[in-house]
């Protein structure tokens, strides 16, 4: 996932508005729930990941960066869960600092580059002055080579990891207001979403990303 851009309509907020919540340093890995899994290898043959057999991986190569790949993972009902892109720029400007929460965090050692091990992270940015509930809470999960947020506030969410020749992204956005067919009922908080079969399988899929053949 390239990034979750800041909401320009939301004014800045102080750390006193909402204190950050840290995820456990070594969270227990939730057990995936899909019975059958398949291995997908990117069209360039360089990366691969596991995914539930009922999910679809769509090649969107026409929209990929030059020399890169772009694939999208969808449920059987067509709900987009994650995108994988390679050969993308990884720079990001910190336009503002806002209250945050880290909901889940786990290292992905198979993607380590130059002594840096990226991590899978599920995190939230809170815009308390935003009246639209769909914009007040921005939540996303993905692989990142950036240090875990710390202190009273953080930059907007930006999930990229270092991968030759430049960078890559693999992640998606969590929308608690999504009404796609097949969603589990009564899931209206990120904490509840952590316990769903969908999230558990997304986490297993994304953290399985590795160089092809490993």
Foldseek 3Di string as FASTA:
>chain_A
DFFDDADPVFDADDLVVDFEAEADPADDQDDADAPDKDKDAFPVQWKIWIARPQKDKAWPQVPADVVKTKIWIAGNLGHTWKIKIPPDAQDDDQPGWFAKYWHDKDWQQQQDDPNFTKIKTWMWGARPVDPPPQNRIWIKIWIASDDDDDDSTGGGTGHWYADPPHIMIMITTDGLPDDRPPDDPPRRDVVSVCPDSVNSRSVRGRSRMHTPPD
